[in-house]
Amino acid sequence: MKVNGNYLPLVPPMTVEDLIMSTGRRQDRVAVELNGKILPRAEYSITLLKENDTIEIVGFVGGG
């Protein structure tokens, strides 16, 4: 699978939630695009990833 432009090995079964946790990020501080579509946060734990998926994980940054 491709994550933020880099190819990563997929260790099935892996959910979007598993992937986010493996990056050390918090689910409530990121947005996920899966194959060109924004994935609702409520679906992170039930969406299984496939080898040919393309994922973009974008983190929110606070400040002014």
PDB file of N, CA and C in Angstrom:
ATOM      1  N   MET A   1       0.843  -1.168   0.000  1.00  0.00           N
ATOM      2  CA  MET A   1       0.000   0.000   0.000  1.00  0.00           C
ATOM      3  C   MET A   1       0.887   1.228   0.000  1.00  0.00           C
ATOM      4  N   LYS A   2       0.304   2.322  -0.423  1.00  0.00           N
ATOM      5  CA  LYS A   2       1.038   3.576  -0.498  1.00  0.00           C
ATOM      6  C   LYS A   2       0.457   4.534   0.545  1.00  0.00           C
ATOM      7  N   VAL A   3       1.317   5.013   1.452  1.00  0.00           N
ATOM      8  CA  VAL A   3       0.893   5.904   2.526  1.00  0.00           C
ATOM      9  C   VAL A   3       1.695   7.193   2.428  1.00  0.00           C
ATOM     10  N   ASN A   4       0.990   8.299   2.219  1.00  0.00           N
ATOM     11  CA  ASN A   4       1.625   9.615   2.094  1.00  0.00           C
ATOM     12  C   ASN A   4       2.786   9.587   1.100  1.00  0.00           C
ATOM     13  N   GLY A   5       2.570   8.892  -0.011  1.00  0.00           N
ATOM     14  CA  GLY A   5       3.552   8.862  -1.079  1.00  0.00           C
ATOM     15  C   GLY A   5       4.630   7.805  -0.950  1.00  0.00           C
ATOM     16  N   ASN A   6       4.648   7.069   0.146  1.00  0.00           N
ATOM     17  CA  ASN A   6       5.652   6.030   0.368  1.00  0.00           C
ATOM     18  C   ASN A   6       5.006   4.655   0.397  1.00  0.00           C
ATOM     19  N   TYR A   7       5.665   3.682  -0.217  1.00  0.00           N
ATOM     20  CA  TYR A   7       5.156   2.322  -0.181  1.00  0.00           C
ATOM     21  C   TYR A   7       5.510   1.666   1.142  1.00  0.00           C
ATOM     22  N   LEU A   8       4.499   1.091   1.790  1.00  0.00           N
ATOM     23  CA  LEU A   8       4.678   0.372   3.047  1.00  0.00           C
ATOM     24  C   LEU A   8       4.123  -1.029   2.904  1.00  0.00           C
ATOM     25  N   PRO A   9       4.763  -2.007   3.534  1.00  0.00           N
ATOM     26  CA  PRO A   9       4.216  -3.363   3.474  1.00  0.00           C
ATOM     27  C   PRO A   9       2.925  -3.448   4.283  1.00  0.00           C
ATOM     28  N   LEU A  10       1.989  -4.194   3.774  1.00  0.00           N
ATOM     29  CA  LEU A  10       0.714  -4.396   4.467  1.00  0.00           C
ATOM     30  C   LEU A  10       0.793  -5.711   5.226  1.00  0.00           C
ATOM     31  N   VAL A  11       0.478  -5.666   6.513  1.00  0.00           N
ATOM     32  CA  VAL A  11       0.433  -6.869   7.331  1.00  0.00           C
ATOM     33  C   VAL A  11      -1.039  -7.116   7.677  1.00  0.00           C
ATOM     34  N   PRO A  12      -1.730  -7.925   6.841  1.00  0.00           N
ATOM     35  CA  PRO A  12      -3.167  -8.119   7.063  1.00  0.00           C
ATOM     36  C   PRO A  12      -3.433  -8.951   8.312  1.00  0.00           C
ATOM     37  N   PRO A  13      -4.584  -8.820   8.920  1.00  0.00           N
ATOM     38  CA  PRO A  13      -5.565  -7.770   8.645  1.00  0.00           C
ATOM     39  C   PRO A  13      -5.142  -6.472   9.324  1.00  0.00           C
ATOM     40  N   MET A  14      -5.254  -5.384   8.608  1.00  0.00           N
ATOM     41  CA  MET A  14      -4.913  -4.067   9.150  1.00  0.00           C
ATOM     42  C   MET A  14      -6.033  -3.097   8.818  1.00  0.00           C
ATOM     43  N   THR A  15      -6.508  -2.402   9.847  1.00  0.00           N
ATOM     44  CA  THR A  15      -7.529  -1.383   9.637  1.00  0.00           C
ATOM     45  C   THR A  15      -6.854  -0.017   9.526  1.00  0.00           C
ATOM     46  N   VAL A  16      -7.623   0.969   9.125  1.00  0.00           N
ATOM     47  CA  VAL A  16      -7.118   2.338   9.092  1.00  0.00           C
ATOM     48  C   VAL A  16      -6.708   2.757  10.502  1.00  0.00           C
ATOM     49  N   GLU A  17      -7.485   2.378  11.487  1.00  0.00           N
ATOM     50  CA  GLU A  17      -7.162   2.677  12.879  1.00  0.00           C
ATOM     51  C   GLU A  17      -5.801   2.087  13.262  1.00  0.00           C
ATOM     52  N   ASP A  18      -5.541   0.835  12.874  1.00  0.00           N
ATOM     53  CA  ASP A  18      -4.246   0.199  13.151  1.00  0.00           C
ATOM     54  C   ASP A  18      -3.106   0.994  12.515  1.00  0.00           C
ATOM     55  N   LEU A  19      -3.313   1.424  11.275  1.00  0.00           N
ATOM     56  CA  LEU A  19      -2.292   2.187  10.570  1.00  0.00           C
ATOM     57  C   LEU A  19      -1.997   3.503  11.282  1.00  0.00           C
ATOM     58  N   ILE A  20      -3.034   4.211  11.679  1.00  0.00           N
ATOM     59  CA  ILE A  20      -2.848   5.491  12.380  1.00  0.00           C
ATOM     60  C   ILE A  20      -2.078   5.263  13.678  1.00  0.00           C
ATOM     61  N   MET A  21      -2.465   4.248  14.437  1.00  0.00           N
ATOM     62  CA  MET A  21      -1.787   3.961  15.702  1.00  0.00           C
ATOM     63  C   MET A  21      -0.323   3.600  15.463  1.00  0.00           C
ATOM     64  N   SER A  22      -0.019   2.916  14.364  1.00  0.00           N
ATOM     65  CA  SER A  22       1.364   2.522  14.080  1.00  0.00           C
ATOM     66  C   SER A  22       2.250   3.725  13.760  1.00  0.00           C
ATOM     67  N   THR A  23       1.631   4.854  13.388  1.00  0.00           N
ATOM     68  CA  THR A  23       2.400   6.066  13.104  1.00  0.00           C
ATOM     69  C   THR A  23       2.595   6.917  14.355  1.00  0.00           C
ATOM     70  N   GLY A  24       1.942   6.541  15.451  1.00  0.00           N
ATOM     71  CA  GLY A  24       2.061   7.294  16.692  1.00  0.00           C
ATOM     72  C   GLY A  24       1.152   8.508  16.753  1.00  0.00           C
ATOM     73  N   ARG A  25       0.244   8.608  15.804  1.00  0.00           N
ATOM     74  CA  ARG A  25      -0.680   9.750  15.784  1.00  0.00           C
ATOM     75  C   ARG A  25      -1.971   9.399  16.501  1.00  0.00           C
ATOM     76  N   ARG A  26      -2.711  10.441  16.867  1.00  0.00           N
ATOM     77  CA  ARG A  26      -4.022  10.257  17.492  1.00  0.00           C
ATOM     78  C   ARG A  26      -5.105  10.390  16.432  1.00  0.00           C
ATOM     79  N   GLN A  27      -6.105   9.523  16.510  1.00  0.00           N
ATOM     80  CA  GLN A  27      -7.202   9.530  15.535  1.00  0.00           C
ATOM     81  C   GLN A  27      -7.947  10.847  15.503  1.00  0.00           C
ATOM     82  N   ASP A  28      -8.058  11.494  16.644  1.00  0.00           N
ATOM     83  CA  ASP A  28      -8.821  12.739  16.696  1.00  0.00           C
ATOM     84  C   ASP A  28      -8.023  13.930  16.187  1.00  0.00           C
ATOM     85  N   ARG A  29      -6.773  13.713  15.767  1.00  0.00           N
ATOM     86  CA  ARG A  29      -5.925  14.801  15.280  1.00  0.00           C
ATOM     87  C   ARG A  29      -5.521  14.619  13.818  1.00  0.00           C
ATOM     88  N   VAL A  30      -6.191  13.679  13.109  1.00  0.00           N
ATOM     89  CA  VAL A  30      -5.852  13.435  11.706  1.00  0.00           C
ATOM     90  C   VAL A  30      -7.109  13.337  10.844  1.00  0.00           C
ATOM     91  N   ALA A  31      -6.906  13.520   9.560  1.00  0.00           N
ATOM     92  CA  ALA A  31      -7.932  13.235   8.552  1.00  0.00           C
ATOM     93  C   ALA A  31      -7.304  12.208   7.610  1.00  0.00           C
ATOM     94  N   VAL A  32      -8.130  11.297   7.103  1.00  0.00           N
ATOM     95  CA  VAL A  32      -7.631  10.233   6.243  1.00  0.00           C
ATOM     96  C   VAL A  32      -8.367  10.246   4.915  1.00  0.00           C
ATOM     97  N   GLU A  33      -7.578  10.198   3.843  1.00  0.00           N
ATOM     98  CA  GLU A  33      -8.117  10.036   2.498  1.00  0.00           C
ATOM     99  C   GLU A  33      -7.718   8.641   2.037  1.00  0.00           C
ATOM    100  N   LEU A  34      -8.698   7.840   1.667  1.00  0.00           N
ATOM    101  CA  LEU A  34      -8.459   6.471   1.208  1.00  0.00           C
ATOM    102  C   LEU A  34      -8.898   6.366  -0.242  1.00  0.00           C
ATOM    103  N   ASN A  35      -7.950   6.116  -1.113  1.00  0.00           N
ATOM    104  CA  ASN A  35      -8.219   5.985  -2.549  1.00  0.00           C
ATOM    105  C   ASN A  35      -8.986   7.182  -3.106  1.00  0.00           C
ATOM    106  N   GLY A  36      -8.567   8.382  -2.684  1.00  0.00           N
ATOM    107  CA  GLY A  36      -9.129   9.608  -3.230  1.00  0.00           C
ATOM    108  C   GLY A  36     -10.396  10.107  -2.569  1.00  0.00           C
ATOM    109  N   LYS A  37     -10.868   9.426  -1.517  1.00  0.00           N
ATOM    110  CA  LYS A  37     -12.089   9.857  -0.827  1.00  0.00           C
ATOM    111  C   LYS A  37     -11.815  10.003   0.659  1.00  0.00           C
ATOM    112  N   ILE A  38     -12.375  11.074   1.253  1.00  0.00           N
ATOM    113  CA  ILE A  38     -12.236  11.287   2.692  1.00  0.00           C
ATOM    114  C   ILE A  38     -12.993  10.178   3.423  1.00  0.00           C
ATOM    115  N   LEU A  39     -12.312   9.546   4.372  1.00  0.00           N
ATOM    116  CA  LEU A  39     -12.920   8.466   5.145  1.00  0.00           C
ATOM    117  C   LEU A  39     -13.461   9.033   6.454  1.00  0.00           C
ATOM    118  N   PRO A  40     -14.740   8.817   6.750  1.00  0.00           N
ATOM    119  CA  PRO A  40     -15.287   9.301   8.022  1.00  0.00           C
ATOM    120  C   PRO A  40     -14.562   8.649   9.206  1.00  0.00           C
ATOM    121  N   ARG A  41     -14.279   9.423  10.231  1.00  0.00           N
ATOM    122  CA  ARG A  41     -13.571   8.923  11.408  1.00  0.00           C
ATOM    123  C   ARG A  41     -14.252   7.699  12.017  1.00  0.00           C
ATOM    124  N   ALA A  42     -15.566   7.633  11.962  1.00  0.00           N
ATOM    125  CA  ALA A  42     -16.303   6.500  12.528  1.00  0.00           C
ATOM    126  C   ALA A  42     -15.998   5.185  11.803  1.00  0.00           C
ATOM    127  N   GLU A  43     -15.411   5.268  10.618  1.00  0.00           N
ATOM    128  CA  GLU A  43     -15.114   4.058   9.838  1.00  0.00           C
ATOM    129  C   GLU A  43     -13.662   3.602   9.955  1.00  0.00           C
ATOM    130  N   TYR A  44     -12.828   4.333  10.689  1.00  0.00           N
ATOM    131  CA  TYR A  44     -11.410   3.968  10.813  1.00  0.00           C
ATOM    132  C   TYR A  44     -11.238   2.549  11.356  1.00  0.00           C
ATOM    133  N   SER A  45     -12.005   2.188  12.368  1.00  0.00           N
ATOM    134  CA  SER A  45     -11.814   0.886  13.025  1.00  0.00           C
ATOM    135  C   SER A  45     -12.422  -0.281  12.255  1.00  0.00           C
ATOM    136  N   ILE A  46     -13.252  -0.009  11.265  1.00  0.00           N
ATOM    137  CA  ILE A  46     -13.902  -1.104  10.529  1.00  0.00           C
ATOM    138  C   ILE A  46     -13.445  -1.213   9.078  1.00  0.00           C
ATOM    139  N   THR A  47     -12.597  -0.291   8.634  1.00  0.00           N
ATOM    140  CA  THR A  47     -12.145  -0.299   7.240  1.00  0.00           C
ATOM    141  C   THR A  47     -10.833  -1.062   7.132  1.00  0.00           C
ATOM    142  N   LEU A  48     -10.884  -2.226   6.477  1.00  0.00           N
ATOM    143  CA  LEU A  48      -9.691  -3.032   6.267  1.00  0.00           C
ATOM    144  C   LEU A  48      -8.934  -2.531   5.045  1.00  0.00           C
ATOM    145  N   LEU A  49      -7.626  -2.462   5.182  1.00  0.00           N
ATOM    146  CA  LEU A  49      -6.783  -1.995   4.088  1.00  0.00           C
ATOM    147  C   LEU A  49      -6.392  -3.153   3.174  1.00  0.00           C
ATOM    148  N   LYS A  50      -6.187  -2.799   1.897  1.00  0.00           N
ATOM    149  CA  LYS A  50      -5.760  -3.769   0.889  1.00  0.00           C
ATOM    150  C   LYS A  50      -4.420  -3.342   0.317  1.00  0.00           C
ATOM    151  N   GLU A  51      -3.718  -4.279  -0.274  1.00  0.00           N
ATOM    152  CA  GLU A  51      -2.372  -4.036  -0.789  1.00  0.00           C
ATOM    153  C   GLU A  51      -2.318  -2.880  -1.787  1.00  0.00           C
ATOM    154  N   ASN A  52      -3.346  -2.708  -2.606  1.00  0.00           N
ATOM    155  CA  ASN A  52      -3.315  -1.673  -3.648  1.00  0.00           C
ATOM    156  C   ASN A  52      -3.931  -0.343  -3.210  1.00  0.00           C
ATOM    157  N   ASP A  53      -4.218  -0.165  -1.917  1.00  0.00           N
ATOM    158  CA  ASP A  53      -4.801   1.077  -1.422  1.00  0.00           C
ATOM    159  C   ASP A  53      -3.771   2.214  -1.420  1.00  0.00           C
ATOM    160  N   THR A  54      -4.283   3.419  -1.597  1.00  0.00           N
ATOM    161  CA  THR A  54      -3.493   4.636  -1.467  1.00  0.00           C
ATOM    162  C   THR A  54      -4.107   5.464  -0.358  1.00  0.00           C
ATOM    163  N   ILE A  55      -3.305   5.779   0.654  1.00  0.00           N
ATOM    164  CA  ILE A  55      -3.784   6.474   1.843  1.00  0.00           C
ATOM    165  C   ILE A  55      -2.994   7.769   2.039  1.00  0.00           C
ATOM    166  N   GLU A  56      -3.700   8.820   2.367  1.00  0.00           N
ATOM    167  CA  GLU A  56      -3.073  10.072   2.782  1.00  0.00           C
ATOM    168  C   GLU A  56      -3.555  10.360   4.199  1.00  0.00           C
ATOM    169  N   ILE A  57      -2.610  10.545   5.108  1.00  0.00           N
ATOM    170  CA  ILE A  57      -2.940  10.899   6.488  1.00  0.00           C
ATOM    171  C   ILE A  57      -2.435  12.314   6.723  1.00  0.00           C
ATOM    172  N   VAL A  58      -3.346  13.209   7.083  1.00  0.00           N
ATOM    173  CA  VAL A  58      -2.999  14.604   7.293  1.00  0.00           C
ATOM    174  C   VAL A  58      -3.258  14.952   8.751  1.00  0.00           C
ATOM    175  N   GLY A  59      -2.245  15.491   9.418  1.00  0.00           N
ATOM    176  CA  GLY A  59      -2.374  15.877  10.810  1.00  0.00           C
ATOM    177  C   GLY A  59      -2.769  17.336  10.962  1.00  0.00           C
ATOM    178  N   PHE A  60      -3.516  17.623  12.014  1.00  0.00           N
ATOM    179  CA  PHE A  60      -3.921  18.985  12.322  1.00  0.00           C
ATOM    180  C   PHE A  60      -2.867  19.626  13.229  1.00  0.00           C
ATOM    181  N   VAL A  61      -2.546  20.871  12.941  1.00  0.00           N
ATOM    182  CA  VAL A  61      -1.549  21.593  13.716  1.00  0.00           C
ATOM    183  C   VAL A  61      -2.199  22.854  14.278  1.00  0.00           C
ATOM    184  N   GLY A  62      -2.066  23.038  15.573  1.00  0.00           N
ATOM    185  CA  GLY A  62      -2.619  24.229  16.191  1.00  0.00           C
ATOM    186  C   GLY A  62      -1.611  25.368  16.200  1.00  0.00           C
ATOM    187  N   GLY A  63      -2.070  26.510  16.536  1.00  0.00           N
ATOM    188  CA  GLY A  63      -1.164  27.648  16.619  1.00  0.00           C
ATOM    189  C   GLY A  63      -1.727  28.871  15.916  1.00  0.00           C
ATOM    190  N   GLY A  64      -0.956  29.887  15.893  1.00  0.00           N
ATOM    191  CA  GLY A  64      -1.477  31.094  15.281  1.00  0.00           C
ATOM    192  C   GLY A  64      -0.449  31.898  14.666  1.00  0.00           C
TER     193      GLY A  64
END
